[in-house]
């Protein structure tokens, strides 16, 4: 694989302003603005925390930010390979011209492995059945044997690992595939010092010994994701897989990167109606909120169908005219009501639902807290109705 020409990856060094984007594109509804400069900077920061290479994980459409854009920015920032779950996620990256090592690690046994091999997509192997299917379909496949290191999810169970390694070596000798990596995943890396992390490291080390004893020589050895990349150097091996950290999410409980990683997404929405209401006016489904005094209400045209967590009803805030405004009543499928107090807000003024926090706006972490979930769920849950825009060399264009 040849490296992507990073000079061909335009990235703005200026924070994204969705208001400016709206003016340039003519879009008037909710906007999700992605800042590739933040992704590149986050990648550089994470690469500086390890002596290993960095795989940029751009699954789930780049954590909701756009897989191709995030991949390009991460490669500019120092990543040397890409990772996704399915083959279907991998192929658009190839179609976009990204010619770097690319791994897919979550496929059914009946997946189109031949197409993956033709596109030079490396494949994770979690079972003997997957190994046999890949060996049948994809002559010359480059594979990473996947060991379950403590989650009881994907990856071969320890009791099956030796047999998988032996069978992989047989297939390798027959020229059907080549084992280029061994991978695992830590169960509790977001809690540095948790005993499960030490247990996972030990199981991975054992797995490597077994693989080598079977005659395999995996050059890529990877166990750490973002949290472990930030806090657990003993898990880094030759490669760390960074996904959430690329877009500014710090999954560690101690906030090891929270003051350094920059959120790459800003979500805004215009005010579509404004109304003055009397004290005692109930708002929204179920009348869960009643105006305690005369006030002004603003309506934003987005809701849980667009990915705003309904569980944040009654707790969430947005930024409008430089101040946090409470979301009142239940978050509906398509609508959010905001209490504006005595502020005279004009139709079309833009509220920031969340962003990096530079101007006091809520962040995705705030929305996660208000809805008792993870930032990952907030940013990956934003729906297709929200227009995506991307900063490019100071200009903004449609993603």
Protein backbone atom coordinates (compact mmCIF):
# COMPACT_ATOMS: atom_id res chain seq x y z
CA UNK A 1 0.00 0.00 0.00
CA UNK A 2 1.22 3.48 -0.78
CA UNK A 3 0.66 6.30 1.65
CA UNK A 4 -2.14 8.76 1.02
CA UNK A 5 -0.72 12.10 -0.24
CA UNK A 6 -1.41 14.21 2.79
CA UNK A 7 -0.80 17.40 0.85
CA UNK A 8 -4.02 16.58 -1.01
CA UNK A 9 -6.05 16.58 2.19
CA UNK A 10 -7.29 20.16 2.75
CA UNK A 11 -8.08 20.91 6.37
CA UNK A 12 -9.15 24.16 7.95
CA UNK A 13 -7.21 25.39 10.96
CA UNK A 14 -10.11 27.66 11.89
CA UNK A 15 -12.88 26.51 14.26
CA UNK A 16 -16.03 25.62 12.36
CA UNK A 17 -18.87 28.13 12.49
CA UNK A 18 -22.14 26.60 11.39
CA UNK A 19 -23.60 30.10 10.99
CA UNK A 20 -20.94 30.84 8.38
CA UNK A 21 -21.55 27.44 6.80
CA UNK A 22 -25.24 28.24 6.50
CA UNK A 23 -24.45 31.51 4.74
CA UNK A 24 -22.10 29.81 2.29
CA UNK A 25 -24.24 26.76 1.47
CA UNK A 26 -27.68 28.31 1.66
CA UNK A 27 -28.85 25.56 4.00
CA UNK A 28 -31.40 26.74 6.54
CA UNK A 29 -32.23 23.73 8.71
CA UNK A 30 -30.24 21.92 11.38
CA UNK A 31 -26.56 21.63 10.49
CA UNK A 32 -23.85 19.27 11.65
CA UNK A 33 -20.46 20.89 11.01
CA UNK A 34 -17.32 18.75 11.19
CA UNK A 35 -13.87 20.25 11.69
CA UNK A 36 -11.16 18.03 10.13
CA UNK A 37 -8.47 20.21 11.73
CA UNK A 38 -9.64 18.95 15.11
CA UNK A 39 -9.42 15.34 13.92
CA UNK A 40 -5.88 15.88 12.62
CA UNK A 41 -4.82 17.56 15.87
CA UNK A 42 -6.35 14.81 18.00
CA UNK A 43 -4.54 12.19 15.93
CA UNK A 44 -1.23 13.98 16.38
CA UNK A 45 -1.82 14.16 20.13
CA UNK A 46 -2.62 10.46 20.42
CA UNK A 47 0.29 9.49 18.18
CA UNK A 48 2.53 11.47 20.50
CA UNK A 49 1.38 9.35 23.45
CA UNK A 50 2.74 6.09 22.02
CA UNK A 51 5.69 4.58 20.23
CA UNK A 52 3.28 2.36 18.30
CA UNK A 53 1.65 3.13 14.99
CA UNK A 54 -1.89 4.51 14.99
CA UNK A 55 -4.82 2.86 13.25
CA UNK A 56 -7.63 5.36 12.71
CA UNK A 57 -10.91 3.58 13.41
CA UNK A 58 -13.61 5.19 11.29
CA UNK A 59 -16.46 2.74 11.90
CA UNK A 60 -20.07 3.96 12.20
CA UNK A 61 -19.41 6.57 9.52
CA UNK A 62 -16.43 7.94 11.38
CA UNK A 63 -18.37 8.07 14.68
CA UNK A 64 -21.06 10.05 12.89
CA UNK A 65 -18.58 12.58 11.50
CA UNK A 66 -18.14 11.12 8.00
CA UNK A 67 -15.82 8.16 7.49
CA UNK A 68 -13.91 9.46 4.49
CA UNK A 69 -13.36 12.94 5.92
CA UNK A 70 -12.26 11.61 9.31
CA UNK A 71 -9.97 9.08 7.65
CA UNK A 72 -8.27 11.72 5.51
CA UNK A 73 -7.77 14.07 8.44
CA UNK A 74 -6.45 11.28 10.66
CA UNK A 75 -3.94 10.22 8.03
CA UNK A 76 -2.82 13.84 7.81
CA UNK A 77 -2.39 13.78 11.58
CA UNK A 78 -0.13 10.74 11.59
CA UNK A 79 -2.29 7.62 11.41
CA UNK A 80 -0.84 4.96 9.13
CA UNK A 81 -3.79 2.60 8.70
CA UNK A 82 -7.58 2.50 8.94
CA UNK A 83 -10.05 0.23 10.71
CA UNK A 84 -13.77 -0.44 10.34
CA UNK A 85 -16.19 -3.15 11.36
CA UNK A 86 -17.77 -4.53 8.20
CA UNK A 87 -16.54 -5.02 4.66
CA UNK A 88 -19.40 -2.73 3.60
CA UNK A 89 -17.81 0.06 5.67
CA UNK A 90 -14.38 -0.60 4.15
CA UNK A 91 -15.20 -0.44 0.45
CA UNK A 92 -16.21 3.28 0.30
CA UNK A 93 -12.82 4.17 1.77
CA UNK A 94 -11.12 2.38 -1.10
CA UNK A 95 -13.50 4.03 -3.58
CA UNK A 96 -12.43 7.38 -2.12
CA UNK A 97 -8.83 6.59 -3.06
CA UNK A 98 -7.47 5.91 0.42
CA UNK A 99 -4.60 3.53 -0.34
CA UNK A 100 -3.36 2.54 3.11
CA UNK A 101 -3.70 -0.68 5.14
CA UNK A 102 -7.39 -1.16 6.00
CA UNK A 103 -8.77 -3.75 8.43
CA UNK A 104 -12.36 -5.03 8.81
CA UNK A 105 -13.06 -7.05 11.94
CA UNK A 106 -16.75 -7.87 12.31
CA UNK A 107 -18.24 -9.91 9.49
CA UNK A 108 -20.61 -12.88 9.30
CA UNK A 109 -19.14 -16.14 8.08
CA UNK A 110 -21.03 -15.72 4.79
CA UNK A 111 -19.60 -12.29 4.00
CA UNK A 112 -18.15 -11.46 0.59
CA UNK A 113 -14.54 -12.09 1.52
CA UNK A 114 -13.48 -12.39 -2.13
CA UNK A 115 -14.50 -8.77 -2.79
CA UNK A 116 -12.67 -7.69 0.36
CA UNK A 117 -9.47 -9.40 -0.72
CA UNK A 118 -9.76 -7.92 -4.22
CA UNK A 119 -10.02 -4.45 -2.58
CA UNK A 120 -7.00 -5.25 -0.39
CA UNK A 121 -9.05 -5.13 2.80
CA UNK A 122 -7.44 -7.08 5.61
CA UNK A 123 -9.77 -9.32 7.61
CA UNK A 124 -10.05 -10.28 11.26
CA UNK A 125 -10.55 -13.98 11.97
CA UNK A 126 -12.47 -14.79 15.19
CA UNK A 127 -13.22 -18.48 14.56
CA UNK A 128 -12.29 -21.62 12.65
CA UNK A 129 -15.42 -21.17 10.56
CA UNK A 130 -14.37 -17.67 9.50
CA UNK A 131 -10.88 -18.93 8.71
CA UNK A 132 -12.26 -21.67 6.45
CA UNK A 133 -14.61 -19.26 4.66
CA UNK A 134 -11.85 -16.72 4.04
CA UNK A 135 -9.46 -19.43 2.84
CA UNK A 136 -12.10 -20.68 0.37
CA UNK A 137 -13.12 -17.29 -1.03
CA UNK A 138 -10.14 -15.06 -0.73
CA UNK A 139 -6.89 -16.54 -1.92
CA UNK A 140 -4.07 -14.34 -0.67
CA UNK A 141 -6.09 -12.72 2.12
CA UNK A 142 -4.17 -10.82 4.77
CA UNK A 143 -5.71 -11.69 8.13
CA UNK A 144 -5.49 -10.72 11.79
CA UNK A 145 -6.35 -13.53 14.20
CA UNK A 146 -8.73 -12.14 16.82
CA UNK A 147 -8.48 -13.39 20.41
CA UNK A 148 -11.14 -12.75 23.05
CA UNK A 149 -9.14 -11.13 25.83
CA UNK A 150 -11.94 -10.77 28.35
CA UNK A 151 -15.21 -9.48 26.89
CA UNK A 152 -16.88 -12.74 25.73
CA UNK A 153 -17.92 -10.91 22.55
CA UNK A 154 -16.02 -11.02 19.27
CA UNK A 155 -12.80 -12.97 19.05
CA UNK A 156 -11.89 -16.63 19.49
CA UNK A 157 -12.39 -18.12 22.92
CA UNK A 158 -9.10 -19.09 24.61
CA UNK A 159 -10.03 -22.78 24.45
CA UNK A 160 -10.21 -22.52 20.64
CA UNK A 161 -7.19 -20.31 20.13
CA UNK A 162 -4.48 -22.94 19.68
CA UNK A 163 -6.56 -24.80 17.11
CA UNK A 164 -7.22 -21.55 15.25
CA UNK A 165 -3.52 -20.72 15.16
CA UNK A 166 -2.61 -24.20 13.89
CA UNK A 167 -5.27 -24.09 11.19
CA UNK A 168 -4.16 -20.60 10.15
CA UNK A 169 -0.62 -21.85 9.76
CA UNK A 170 -1.82 -24.73 7.57
CA UNK A 171 -3.76 -22.29 5.37
CA UNK A 172 -0.75 -20.00 5.26
CA UNK A 173 1.52 -22.80 4.06
CA UNK A 174 -1.04 -23.67 1.39
CA UNK A 175 -0.87 -20.08 0.12
CA UNK A 176 -4.53 -19.38 0.92
CA UNK A 177 -3.87 -16.50 3.28
CA UNK A 178 -1.21 -14.72 5.29
CA UNK A 179 -1.43 -14.00 9.02
CA UNK A 180 -0.21 -10.42 9.37
CA UNK A 181 -1.63 -9.59 12.80
CA UNK A 182 -3.06 -10.68 16.12
CA UNK A 183 -5.63 -8.49 17.87
CA UNK A 184 -7.62 -8.27 21.09
CA UNK A 185 -9.60 -5.70 23.06
CA UNK A 186 -9.61 -4.63 26.72
CA UNK A 187 -12.85 -4.79 28.68
CA UNK A 188 -12.20 -2.01 31.20
CA UNK A 189 -9.62 0.28 29.62
CA UNK A 190 -11.79 3.28 30.54
CA UNK A 191 -10.93 2.51 34.17
CA UNK A 192 -7.14 2.64 34.47
CA UNK A 193 -5.97 0.19 37.09
CA UNK A 194 -8.95 -2.13 36.79
CA UNK A 195 -7.72 -5.73 37.28
CA UNK A 196 -9.45 -6.82 34.06
CA UNK A 197 -6.91 -4.79 32.09
CA UNK A 198 -3.94 -6.67 33.53
CA UNK A 199 -5.78 -9.93 32.90
CA UNK A 200 -6.44 -8.90 29.31
CA UNK A 201 -2.79 -8.02 28.76
CA UNK A 202 -1.72 -11.39 30.13
CA UNK A 203 -4.18 -13.27 27.93
CA UNK A 204 -3.01 -11.35 24.89
CA UNK A 205 0.64 -12.11 25.68
CA UNK A 206 -0.29 -15.79 26.03
CA UNK A 207 -2.12 -15.64 22.71
CA UNK A 208 0.97 -14.25 20.99
CA UNK A 209 3.11 -17.05 22.42
CA UNK A 210 0.66 -19.65 21.15
CA UNK A 211 0.57 -18.05 17.71
CA UNK A 212 4.34 -18.01 17.46
CA UNK A 213 4.58 -21.59 18.68
CA UNK A 214 2.30 -22.54 15.79
CA UNK A 215 4.80 -20.98 13.39
CA UNK A 216 2.99 -17.69 12.81
CA UNK A 217 4.84 -14.36 12.61
CA UNK A 218 2.26 -11.59 13.07
CA UNK A 219 3.90 -8.22 12.46
CA UNK A 220 0.89 -6.23 13.72
CA UNK A 221 -0.01 -6.83 17.36
CA UNK A 222 -2.81 -4.65 18.68
CA UNK A 223 -4.82 -4.61 21.89
CA UNK A 224 -5.30 -0.94 22.86
CA UNK A 225 -8.12 1.34 21.74
CA UNK A 226 -8.43 5.07 22.61
CA UNK A 227 -8.68 4.70 26.39
CA UNK A 228 -5.69 2.38 26.64
CA UNK A 229 -3.76 4.52 24.15
CA UNK A 230 -4.13 7.39 26.63
CA UNK A 231 -3.50 5.53 29.89
CA UNK A 232 -1.94 2.07 29.43
CA UNK A 233 1.43 1.97 27.62
CA UNK A 234 1.86 -1.71 28.47
CA UNK A 235 -0.99 -2.52 26.07
CA UNK A 236 0.32 -0.63 23.05
CA UNK A 237 2.44 -3.32 21.31
CA UNK A 238 3.04 -2.36 17.64
CA UNK A 239 -0.29 -0.65 16.94
CA UNK A 240 -3.07 1.20 18.77
CA UNK A 241 -6.60 1.48 17.38
CA UNK A 242 -7.99 4.98 17.93
CA UNK A 243 -11.62 5.79 17.12
CA UNK A 244 -13.43 7.92 19.67
CA UNK A 245 -10.30 9.95 20.36
CA UNK A 246 -10.08 11.03 16.73
CA UNK A 247 -13.28 13.06 17.09
CA UNK A 248 -12.44 14.44 20.53
CA UNK A 249 -14.06 11.89 22.85
CA UNK A 250 -12.07 10.86 25.90
CA UNK A 251 -13.52 7.57 27.19
CA UNK A 252 -11.29 7.35 30.27
CA UNK A 253 -12.85 7.82 33.70
CA UNK A 254 -10.01 10.08 34.82
CA UNK A 255 -10.21 12.37 31.79
CA UNK A 256 -6.67 11.64 30.66
CA UNK A 257 -7.22 13.48 27.39
CA UNK A 258 -10.29 15.56 28.12
CA UNK A 259 -8.46 18.88 28.31
CA UNK A 260 -6.39 18.13 25.21
CA UNK A 261 -8.67 16.35 22.75
CA UNK A 262 -10.89 18.72 20.77
CA UNK A 263 -14.47 17.80 19.81
CA UNK A 264 -14.78 17.86 16.04
CA UNK A 265 -18.55 18.27 15.70
CA UNK A 266 -20.88 21.26 16.07
CA UNK A 267 -24.65 20.83 15.83
CA UNK A 268 -26.84 23.88 15.28
CA UNK A 269 -30.48 24.60 14.49
CA UNK A 270 -32.42 27.76 13.60
CA UNK A 271 -35.32 29.14 15.58
CA UNK A 272 -38.41 28.49 13.46
CA UNK A 273 -41.09 30.01 15.67
CA UNK A 274 -41.18 32.34 18.69
CA UNK A 275 -44.18 32.81 20.94
CA UNK A 276 -44.98 34.68 24.12
CA UNK A 277 -46.88 32.62 26.72
CA UNK A 278 -48.54 33.34 30.05
CA UNK A 279 -47.62 31.90 33.42
CA UNK A 280 -49.15 28.46 33.78
CA UNK A 281 -48.88 27.53 30.10
CA UNK A 282 -48.08 23.81 29.73
CA UNK A 283 -45.57 22.78 27.05
CA UNK A 284 -45.20 19.63 24.95
CA UNK A 285 -46.45 16.08 25.17
CA UNK A 286 -47.67 15.09 28.61
CA UNK A 287 -47.41 18.69 29.84
CA UNK A 288 -44.26 17.76 31.77
CA UNK A 289 -43.28 21.45 32.08
CA UNK A 290 -45.42 24.46 32.83
CA UNK A 291 -44.18 28.04 32.51
CA UNK A 292 -43.73 29.38 36.07
CA UNK A 293 -44.04 32.95 34.79
CA UNK A 294 -44.72 34.76 31.53
CA UNK A 295 -41.93 33.91 29.12
CA UNK A 296 -40.90 33.58 25.50
CA UNK A 297 -40.55 30.14 23.88
CA UNK A 298 -38.47 29.32 20.82
CA UNK A 299 -38.90 26.23 18.66
CA UNK A 300 -36.00 24.35 17.07
CA UNK A 301 -36.72 21.92 14.20
CA UNK A 302 -34.96 18.78 15.40
CA UNK A 303 -35.69 16.01 17.87
CA UNK A 304 -35.14 12.38 18.67
CA UNK A 305 -35.63 11.34 15.01
CA UNK A 306 -32.50 13.40 14.37
CA UNK A 307 -30.63 11.77 17.25
CA UNK A 308 -31.28 14.08 20.18
CA UNK A 309 -31.71 11.77 23.17
CA UNK A 310 -35.30 11.98 24.44
CA UNK A 311 -33.95 11.04 27.88
CA UNK A 312 -32.35 14.50 28.08
CA UNK A 313 -35.81 16.13 28.26
CA UNK A 314 -36.03 18.56 31.16
CA UNK A 315 -32.26 18.67 31.63
CA UNK A 316 -30.74 19.73 28.31
CA UNK A 317 -29.66 23.23 27.27
CA UNK A 318 -28.66 25.00 24.07
CA UNK A 319 -26.67 28.19 23.45
CA UNK A 320 -28.47 31.13 21.92
CA UNK A 321 -27.31 34.76 21.90
CA UNK A 322 -24.36 33.88 24.08
CA UNK A 323 -26.39 32.29 26.89
CA UNK A 324 -27.42 28.78 27.83
CA UNK A 325 -31.16 28.30 27.41
CA UNK A 326 -33.05 25.37 28.95
CA UNK A 327 -34.90 22.85 26.81
CA UNK A 328 -38.40 22.65 28.30
CA UNK A 329 -41.03 19.95 27.94
CA UNK A 330 -40.35 16.64 26.27
CA UNK A 331 -38.02 16.39 23.31
CA UNK A 332 -40.32 15.38 20.45
CA UNK A 333 -39.57 13.44 17.30
CA UNK A 334 -38.95 16.61 15.28
CA UNK A 335 -39.11 19.53 17.71
CA UNK A 336 -37.45 21.05 20.76
CA UNK A 337 -38.87 23.95 22.76
CA UNK A 338 -36.44 26.36 24.42
CA UNK A 339 -37.27 28.84 27.20
CA UNK A 340 -35.91 32.23 26.07
CA UNK A 341 -37.14 34.25 29.05
CA UNK A 342 -37.38 37.93 28.17
CA UNK A 343 -34.96 37.73 25.24
CA UNK A 344 -36.27 39.09 21.94
CA UNK A 345 -35.04 36.44 19.52
CA UNK A 346 -35.69 36.76 15.81
CA UNK A 347 -36.85 33.95 13.56
CA UNK A 348 -33.89 32.26 11.89
CA UNK A 349 -31.39 32.99 14.65
CA UNK A 350 -29.16 29.97 15.18
CA UNK A 351 -28.88 28.00 18.40
CA UNK A 352 -25.88 25.80 19.09
CA UNK A 353 -27.10 22.46 20.37
CA UNK A 354 -23.59 21.23 21.10
CA UNK A 355 -20.03 21.92 20.02
CA UNK A 356 -16.46 22.09 21.34
CA UNK A 357 -17.52 24.36 24.21
CA UNK A 358 -15.35 27.31 23.17
CA UNK A 359 -18.17 29.83 23.52
CA UNK A 360 -19.91 28.24 26.47
CA UNK A 361 -22.16 26.03 24.36
CA UNK A 362 -23.07 22.54 25.60
CA UNK A 363 -20.84 19.70 24.46
CA UNK A 364 -21.68 16.16 23.42
CA UNK A 365 -20.43 15.17 26.87
CA UNK A 366 -23.10 17.40 28.42
CA UNK A 367 -25.81 15.75 26.31
CA UNK A 368 -24.46 12.33 27.27
CA UNK A 369 -24.65 13.27 30.95
CA UNK A 370 -28.17 14.68 30.59
CA UNK A 371 -29.34 11.46 28.94
CA UNK A 372 -27.31 8.98 31.05
CA UNK A 373 -25.37 7.61 28.09
CA UNK A 374 -22.02 7.88 26.31
CA UNK A 375 -20.76 10.62 24.02
CA UNK A 376 -20.28 7.85 21.47
CA UNK A 377 -24.04 7.27 21.36
CA UNK A 378 -24.78 10.98 21.04
CA UNK A 379 -22.50 11.63 18.06
CA UNK A 380 -23.20 8.38 16.20
CA UNK A 381 -26.96 8.70 16.63
CA UNK A 382 -27.45 11.88 14.60
CA UNK A 383 -29.82 11.15 11.74
CA UNK A 384 -29.69 11.63 8.00
CA UNK A 385 -32.06 14.63 8.06
CA UNK A 386 -29.33 16.78 9.61
CA UNK A 387 -27.26 18.33 6.82
CA UNK A 388 -23.53 17.56 7.07
CA UNK A 389 -20.97 20.24 6.25
CA UNK A 390 -17.17 20.08 6.37
CA UNK A 391 -14.52 22.78 6.70
CA UNK A 392 -12.01 22.89 3.85
CA UNK A 393 -9.08 25.31 3.90
CA UNK A 394 -11.15 27.99 5.55
CA UNK A 395 -14.08 27.43 3.15
CA UNK A 396 -17.11 25.34 3.95
CA UNK A 397 -18.77 22.97 1.54
CA UNK A 398 -21.23 20.13 1.56
CA UNK A 399 -19.76 16.85 2.79
